[in-house]
Amino acid sequence: MLDEWSFLGFLTPPLFVPVLVALLLFWGVRRVMSHFGLYRFLWQPVLADIAIFTLLLWAVLILSGALPAGGQT
């Protein structure tokens, strides 16, 4: 079972750090997309934001080794 982490006296879930890393990456991607006007090509920009954040969180979890990579049995 996953244990909670103590951060400055507060108990945080183990997913806290990967979510923060993904959030920082997401803010950067969103800033670049806004700068180049890529949101005007999207039908639902909010759904695209959710999808981008989900993919970034998945990538952070895979690269950190928290999730098993595909194809391993």
PDB file of N, CA and C in Angstrom:
ATOM      1  N   MET A   1       0.838  -1.178   0.000  1.00  0.00           N
ATOM      2  CA  MET A   1       0.000   0.000   0.000  1.00  0.00           C
ATOM      3  C   MET A   1       0.887   1.247   0.000  1.00  0.00           C
ATOM      4  N   LEU A   2       0.439   2.268  -0.720  1.00  0.00           N
ATOM      5  CA  LEU A   2       1.196   3.509  -0.793  1.00  0.00           C
ATOM      6  C   LEU A   2       1.023   4.301   0.493  1.00  0.00           C
ATOM      7  N   ASP A   3       2.115   4.815   1.001  1.00  0.00           N
ATOM      8  CA  ASP A   3       2.073   5.611   2.216  1.00  0.00           C
ATOM      9  C   ASP A   3       2.008   7.088   1.856  1.00  0.00           C
ATOM     10  N   GLU A   4       1.553   7.871   2.813  1.00  0.00           N
ATOM     11  CA  GLU A   4       1.520   9.307   2.625  1.00  0.00           C
ATOM     12  C   GLU A   4       2.895   9.893   2.918  1.00  0.00           C
ATOM     13  N   TRP A   5       3.193  11.013   2.292  1.00  0.00           N
ATOM     14  CA  TRP A   5       4.458  11.687   2.511  1.00  0.00           C
ATOM     15  C   TRP A   5       4.225  12.885   3.415  1.00  0.00           C
ATOM     16  N   SER A   6       5.190  13.170   4.252  1.00  0.00           N
ATOM     17  CA  SER A   6       5.112  14.340   5.106  1.00  0.00           C
ATOM     18  C   SER A   6       5.883  15.477   4.439  1.00  0.00           C
ATOM     19  N   PHE A   7       5.210  16.568   4.183  1.00  0.00           N
ATOM     20  CA  PHE A   7       5.810  17.734   3.549  1.00  0.00           C
ATOM     21  C   PHE A   7       5.485  18.946   4.403  1.00  0.00           C
ATOM     22  N   LEU A   8       6.500  19.469   5.096  1.00  0.00           N
ATOM     23  CA  LEU A   8       6.348  20.610   5.995  1.00  0.00           C
ATOM     24  C   LEU A   8       5.262  20.361   7.045  1.00  0.00           C
ATOM     25  N   GLY A   9       5.169  19.135   7.503  1.00  0.00           N
ATOM     26  CA  GLY A   9       4.199  18.793   8.525  1.00  0.00           C
ATOM     27  C   GLY A   9       2.838  18.409   7.996  1.00  0.00           C
ATOM     28  N   PHE A  10       2.630  18.488   6.685  1.00  0.00           N
ATOM     29  CA  PHE A  10       1.349  18.123   6.090  1.00  0.00           C
ATOM     30  C   PHE A  10       1.497  16.753   5.432  1.00  0.00           C
ATOM     31  N   LEU A  11       0.500  15.911   5.577  1.00  0.00           N
ATOM     32  CA  LEU A  11       0.510  14.615   4.911  1.00  0.00           C
ATOM     33  C   LEU A  11      -0.046  14.785   3.500  1.00  0.00           C
ATOM     34  N   THR A  12       0.725  14.366   2.517  1.00  0.00           N
ATOM     35  CA  THR A  12       0.314  14.493   1.123  1.00  0.00           C
ATOM     36  C   THR A  12       0.301  13.117   0.473  1.00  0.00           C
ATOM     37  N   PRO A  13      -0.582  12.911  -0.480  1.00  0.00           N
ATOM     38  CA  PRO A  13      -0.600  11.628  -1.184  1.00  0.00           C
ATOM     39  C   PRO A  13       0.617  11.505  -2.098  1.00  0.00           C
ATOM     40  N   PRO A  14       0.993  10.277  -2.456  1.00  0.00           N
ATOM     41  CA  PRO A  14       2.170  10.086  -3.315  1.00  0.00           C
ATOM     42  C   PRO A  14       2.014  10.690  -4.706  1.00  0.00           C
ATOM     43  N   LEU A  15       0.800  10.930  -5.142  1.00  0.00           N
ATOM     44  CA  LEU A  15       0.573  11.495  -6.471  1.00  0.00           C
ATOM     45  C   LEU A  15       0.767  13.014  -6.494  1.00  0.00           C
ATOM     46  N   PHE A  16       1.024  13.617  -5.353  1.00  0.00           N
ATOM     47  CA  PHE A  16       1.141  15.071  -5.241  1.00  0.00           C
ATOM     48  C   PHE A  16       2.284  15.630  -6.086  1.00  0.00           C
ATOM     49  N   VAL A  17       3.455  15.040  -5.977  1.00  0.00           N
ATOM     50  CA  VAL A  17       4.626  15.554  -6.703  1.00  0.00           C
ATOM     51  C   VAL A  17       4.475  15.376  -8.222  1.00  0.00           C
ATOM     52  N   PRO A  18       4.072  14.195  -8.719  1.00  0.00           N
ATOM     53  CA  PRO A  18       3.893  14.085 -10.177  1.00  0.00           C
ATOM     54  C   PRO A  18       2.824  15.032 -10.724  1.00  0.00           C
ATOM     55  N   VAL A  19       1.766  15.286  -9.953  1.00  0.00           N
ATOM     56  CA  VAL A  19       0.737  16.219 -10.416  1.00  0.00           C
ATOM     57  C   VAL A  19       1.312  17.634 -10.495  1.00  0.00           C
ATOM     58  N   LEU A  20       2.129  18.026  -9.529  1.00  0.00           N
ATOM     59  CA  LEU A  20       2.752  19.349  -9.589  1.00  0.00           C
ATOM     60  C   LEU A  20       3.688  19.489 -10.788  1.00  0.00           C
ATOM     61  N   VAL A  21       4.471  18.446 -11.064  1.00  0.00           N
ATOM     62  CA  VAL A  21       5.374  18.479 -12.224  1.00  0.00           C
ATOM     63  C   VAL A  21       4.570  18.570 -13.510  1.00  0.00           C
ATOM     64  N   ALA A  22       3.506  17.770 -13.626  1.00  0.00           N
ATOM     65  CA  ALA A  22       2.661  17.814 -14.817  1.00  0.00           C
ATOM     66  C   ALA A  22       1.971  19.167 -14.948  1.00  0.00           C
ATOM     67  N   LEU A  23       1.587  19.765 -13.829  1.00  0.00           N
ATOM     68  CA  LEU A  23       0.942  21.072 -13.868  1.00  0.00           C
ATOM     69  C   LEU A  23       1.909  22.151 -14.357  1.00  0.00           C
ATOM     70  N   LEU A  24       3.149  22.102 -13.907  1.00  0.00           N
ATOM     71  CA  LEU A  24       4.145  23.061 -14.391  1.00  0.00           C
ATOM     72  C   LEU A  24       4.393  22.897 -15.891  1.00  0.00           C
ATOM     73  N   LEU A  25       4.500  21.648 -16.342  1.00  0.00           N
ATOM     74  CA  LEU A  25       4.672  21.396 -17.782  1.00  0.00           C
ATOM     75  C   LEU A  25       3.451  21.866 -18.567  1.00  0.00           C
ATOM     76  N   PHE A  26       2.268  21.629 -18.012  1.00  0.00           N
ATOM     77  CA  PHE A  26       1.031  22.034 -18.679  1.00  0.00           C
ATOM     78  C   PHE A  26       0.953  23.549 -18.836  1.00  0.00           C
ATOM     79  N   TRP A  27       1.341  24.274 -17.780  1.00  0.00           N
ATOM     80  CA  TRP A  27       1.324  25.734 -17.886  1.00  0.00           C
ATOM     81  C   TRP A  27       2.260  26.209 -18.987  1.00  0.00           C
ATOM     82  N   GLY A  28       3.399  25.573 -19.127  1.00  0.00           N
ATOM     83  CA  GLY A  28       4.321  25.934 -20.196  1.00  0.00           C
ATOM     84  C   GLY A  28       3.750  25.639 -21.575  1.00  0.00           C
ATOM     85  N   VAL A  29       3.156  24.451 -21.733  1.00  0.00           N
ATOM     86  CA  VAL A  29       2.559  24.084 -23.023  1.00  0.00           C
ATOM     87  C   VAL A  29       1.406  25.014 -23.353  1.00  0.00           C
ATOM     88  N   ARG A  30       0.592  25.319 -22.349  1.00  0.00           N
ATOM     89  CA  ARG A  30      -0.556  26.198 -22.586  1.00  0.00           C
ATOM     90  C   ARG A  30      -0.102  27.606 -22.978  1.00  0.00           C
ATOM     91  N   ARG A  31       0.960  28.071 -22.355  1.00  0.00           N
ATOM     92  CA  ARG A  31       1.484  29.397 -22.681  1.00  0.00           C
ATOM     93  C   ARG A  31       1.997  29.443 -24.123  1.00  0.00           C
ATOM     94  N   VAL A  32       2.683  28.389 -24.540  1.00  0.00           N
ATOM     95  CA  VAL A  32       3.179  28.323 -25.921  1.00  0.00           C
ATOM     96  C   VAL A  32       2.022  28.255 -26.910  1.00  0.00           C
ATOM     97  N   MET A  33       1.008  27.436 -26.586  1.00  0.00           N
ATOM     98  CA  MET A  33      -0.145  27.329 -27.483  1.00  0.00           C
ATOM     99  C   MET A  33      -0.900  28.654 -27.586  1.00  0.00           C
ATOM    100  N   SER A  34      -1.017  29.372 -26.484  1.00  0.00           N
ATOM    101  CA  SER A  34      -1.690  30.670 -26.511  1.00  0.00           C
ATOM    102  C   SER A  34      -0.870  31.697 -27.294  1.00  0.00           C
ATOM    103  N   HIS A  35       0.425  31.658 -27.127  1.00  0.00           N
ATOM    104  CA  HIS A  35       1.302  32.614 -27.812  1.00  0.00           C
ATOM    105  C   HIS A  35       1.204  32.467 -29.330  1.00  0.00           C
ATOM    106  N   PHE A  36       1.161  31.229 -29.802  1.00  0.00           N
ATOM    107  CA  PHE A  36       1.097  30.990 -31.244  1.00  0.00           C
ATOM    108  C   PHE A  36      -0.329  30.926 -31.779  1.00  0.00           C
ATOM    109  N   GLY A  37      -1.327  31.095 -30.917  1.00  0.00           N
ATOM    110  CA  GLY A  37      -2.720  31.112 -31.367  1.00  0.00           C
ATOM    111  C   GLY A  37      -3.249  29.768 -31.806  1.00  0.00           C
ATOM    112  N   LEU A  38      -2.758  28.708 -31.216  1.00  0.00           N
ATOM    113  CA  LEU A  38      -3.194  27.371 -31.623  1.00  0.00           C
ATOM    114  C   LEU A  38      -4.574  27.004 -31.090  1.00  0.00           C
ATOM    115  N   TYR A  39      -5.039  27.712 -30.085  1.00  0.00           N
ATOM    116  CA  TYR A  39      -6.359  27.408 -29.525  1.00  0.00           C
ATOM    117  C   TYR A  39      -7.494  27.748 -30.491  1.00  0.00           C
ATOM    118  N   ARG A  40      -7.259  28.635 -31.428  1.00  0.00           N
ATOM    119  CA  ARG A  40      -8.327  28.998 -32.365  1.00  0.00           C
ATOM    120  C   ARG A  40      -8.653  27.862 -33.328  1.00  0.00           C
ATOM    121  N   PHE A  41      -7.758  26.871 -33.443  1.00  0.00           N
ATOM    122  CA  PHE A  41      -8.009  25.737 -34.318  1.00  0.00           C
ATOM    123  C   PHE A  41      -8.755  24.600 -33.610  1.00  0.00           C
ATOM    124  N   LEU A  42      -9.007  24.760 -32.337  1.00  0.00           N
ATOM    125  CA  LEU A  42      -9.643  23.706 -31.554  1.00  0.00           C
ATOM    126  C   LEU A  42     -11.123  24.012 -31.360  1.00  0.00           C
ATOM    127  N   TRP A  43     -11.940  22.958 -31.440  1.00  0.00           N
ATOM    128  CA  TRP A  43     -13.368  23.122 -31.267  1.00  0.00           C
ATOM    129  C   TRP A  43     -13.704  23.364 -29.802  1.00  0.00           C
ATOM    130  N   GLN A  44     -13.093  22.594 -28.901  1.00  0.00           N
ATOM    131  CA  GLN A  44     -13.297  22.734 -27.469  1.00  0.00           C
ATOM    132  C   GLN A  44     -11.934  22.866 -26.777  1.00  0.00           C
ATOM    133  N   PRO A  45     -11.455  24.060 -26.566  1.00  0.00           N
ATOM    134  CA  PRO A  45     -10.135  24.247 -25.957  1.00  0.00           C
ATOM    135  C   PRO A  45     -10.036  23.646 -24.552  1.00  0.00           C
ATOM    136  N   VAL A  46     -11.124  23.641 -23.798  1.00  0.00           N
ATOM    137  CA  VAL A  46     -11.087  23.084 -22.442  1.00  0.00           C
ATOM    138  C   VAL A  46     -10.848  21.579 -22.494  1.00  0.00           C
ATOM    139  N   LEU A  47     -11.488  20.898 -23.424  1.00  0.00           N
ATOM    140  CA  LEU A  47     -11.267  19.460 -23.567  1.00  0.00           C
ATOM    141  C   LEU A  47      -9.833  19.174 -24.005  1.00  0.00           C
ATOM    142  N   ALA A  48      -9.296  20.028 -24.852  1.00  0.00           N
ATOM    143  CA  ALA A  48      -7.899  19.865 -25.255  1.00  0.00           C
ATOM    144  C   ALA A  48      -6.972  20.066 -24.065  1.00  0.00           C
ATOM    145  N   ASP A  49      -7.279  21.033 -23.203  1.00  0.00           N
ATOM    146  CA  ASP A  49      -6.474  21.251 -22.000  1.00  0.00           C
ATOM    147  C   ASP A  49      -6.502  20.031 -21.082  1.00  0.00           C
ATOM    148  N   ILE A  50      -7.665  19.454 -20.896  1.00  0.00           N
ATOM    149  CA  ILE A  50      -7.783  18.260 -20.051  1.00  0.00           C
ATOM    150  C   ILE A  50      -6.989  17.103 -20.644  1.00  0.00           C
ATOM    151  N   ALA A  51      -7.079  16.937 -21.954  1.00  0.00           N
ATOM    152  CA  ALA A  51      -6.349  15.858 -22.614  1.00  0.00           C
ATOM    153  C   ALA A  51      -4.839  16.073 -22.522  1.00  0.00           C
ATOM    154  N   ILE A  52      -4.387  17.296 -22.704  1.00  0.00           N
ATOM    155  CA  ILE A  52      -2.948  17.591 -22.632  1.00  0.00           C
ATOM    156  C   ILE A  52      -2.435  17.349 -21.224  1.00  0.00           C
ATOM    157  N   PHE A  53      -3.177  17.806 -20.218  1.00  0.00           N
ATOM    158  CA  PHE A  53      -2.746  17.584 -18.832  1.00  0.00           C
ATOM    159  C   PHE A  53      -2.709  16.096 -18.508  1.00  0.00           C
ATOM    160  N   THR A  54      -3.702  15.347 -18.953  1.00  0.00           N
ATOM    161  CA  THR A  54      -3.743  13.911 -18.702  1.00  0.00           C
ATOM    162  C   THR A  54      -2.551  13.213 -19.342  1.00  0.00           C
ATOM    163  N   LEU A  55      -2.224  13.574 -20.574  1.00  0.00           N
ATOM    164  CA  LEU A  55      -1.078  12.971 -21.248  1.00  0.00           C
ATOM    165  C   LEU A  55       0.241  13.355 -20.577  1.00  0.00           C
ATOM    166  N   LEU A  56       0.345  14.590 -20.122  1.00  0.00           N
ATOM    167  CA  LEU A  56       1.563  15.005 -19.420  1.00  0.00           C
ATOM    168  C   LEU A  56       1.715  14.274 -18.093  1.00  0.00           C
ATOM    169  N   LEU A  57       0.605  14.098 -17.357  1.00  0.00           N
ATOM    170  CA  LEU A  57       0.661  13.358 -16.101  1.00  0.00           C
ATOM    171  C   LEU A  57       1.040  11.903 -16.353  1.00  0.00           C
ATOM    172  N   TRP A  58       0.479  11.313 -17.394  1.00  0.00           N
ATOM    173  CA  TRP A  58       0.821   9.933 -17.745  1.00  0.00           C
ATOM    174  C   TRP A  58       2.314   9.828 -18.083  1.00  0.00           C
ATOM    175  N   ALA A  59       2.829  10.793 -18.849  1.00  0.00           N
ATOM    176  CA  ALA A  59       4.243  10.763 -19.222  1.00  0.00           C
ATOM    177  C   ALA A  59       5.144  10.925 -18.003  1.00  0.00           C
ATOM    178  N   VAL A  60       4.774  11.802 -17.082  1.00  0.00           N
ATOM    179  CA  VAL A  60       5.568  11.983 -15.862  1.00  0.00           C
ATOM    180  C   VAL A  60       5.574  10.701 -15.041  1.00  0.00           C
ATOM    181  N   LEU A  61       4.424  10.048 -14.925  1.00  0.00           N
ATOM    182  CA  LEU A  61       4.351   8.808 -14.157  1.00  0.00           C
ATOM    183  C   LEU A  61       5.138   7.684 -14.816  1.00  0.00           C
ATOM    184  N   ILE A  62       5.094   7.595 -16.142  1.00  0.00           N
ATOM    185  CA  ILE A  62       5.864   6.569 -16.848  1.00  0.00           C
ATOM    186  C   ILE A  62       7.359   6.825 -16.689  1.00  0.00           C
ATOM    187  N   LEU A  63       7.785   8.073 -16.877  1.00  0.00           N
ATOM    188  CA  LEU A  63       9.216   8.391 -16.797  1.00  0.00           C
ATOM    189  C   LEU A  63       9.761   8.279 -15.382  1.00  0.00           C
ATOM    190  N   SER A  64       8.917   8.468 -14.380  1.00  0.00           N
ATOM    191  CA  SER A  64       9.379   8.347 -13.002  1.00  0.00           C
ATOM    192  C   SER A  64       9.404   6.892 -12.527  1.00  0.00           C
ATOM    193  N   GLY A  65       8.821   6.005 -13.303  1.00  0.00           N
ATOM    194  CA  GLY A  65       8.796   4.601 -12.934  1.00  0.00           C
ATOM    195  C   GLY A  65       7.643   4.219 -12.045  1.00  0.00           C
ATOM    196  N   ALA A  66       6.693   5.121 -11.850  1.00  0.00           N
ATOM    197  CA  ALA A  66       5.538   4.840 -10.999  1.00  0.00           C
ATOM    198  C   ALA A  66       4.549   3.908 -11.679  1.00  0.00           C
ATOM    199  N   LEU A  67       4.526   3.925 -13.006  1.00  0.00           N
ATOM    200  CA  LEU A  67       3.648   3.042 -13.777  1.00  0.00           C
ATOM    201  C   LEU A  67       4.517   2.095 -14.603  1.00  0.00           C
ATOM    202  N   PRO A  68       4.089   0.854 -14.759  1.00  0.00           N
ATOM    203  CA  PRO A  68       4.856  -0.042 -15.624  1.00  0.00           C
ATOM    204  C   PRO A  68       4.678   0.361 -17.079  1.00  0.00           C
ATOM    205  N   ALA A  69       5.744   0.255 -17.834  1.00  0.00           N
ATOM    206  CA  ALA A  69       5.684   0.567 -19.260  1.00  0.00           C
ATOM    207  C   ALA A  69       4.923  -0.536 -19.977  1.00  0.00           C
ATOM    208  N   GLY A  70       4.302  -0.190 -21.078  1.00  0.00           N
ATOM    209  CA  GLY A  70       3.517  -1.159 -21.834  1.00  0.00           C
ATOM    210  C   GLY A  70       4.377  -2.255 -22.455  1.00  0.00           C
ATOM    211  N   GLY A  71       3.776  -3.415 -22.645  1.00  0.00           N
ATOM    212  CA  GLY A  71       4.472  -4.518 -23.279  1.00  0.00           C
ATOM    213  C   GLY A  71       5.211  -5.431 -22.324  1.00  0.00           C
ATOM    214  N   GLN A  72       5.219  -5.122 -21.063  1.00  0.00           N
ATOM    215  CA  GLN A  72       5.896  -5.984 -20.091  1.00  0.00           C
ATOM    216  C   GLN A  72       4.878  -6.905 -19.431  1.00  0.00           C
ATOM    217  N   THR A  73       5.205  -8.175 -19.377  1.00  0.00           N
ATOM    218  CA  THR A  73       4.296  -9.130 -18.729  1.00  0.00           C
ATOM    219  C   THR A  73       4.974  -9.816 -17.578  1.00  0.00           C
TER     220      THR A  73
END
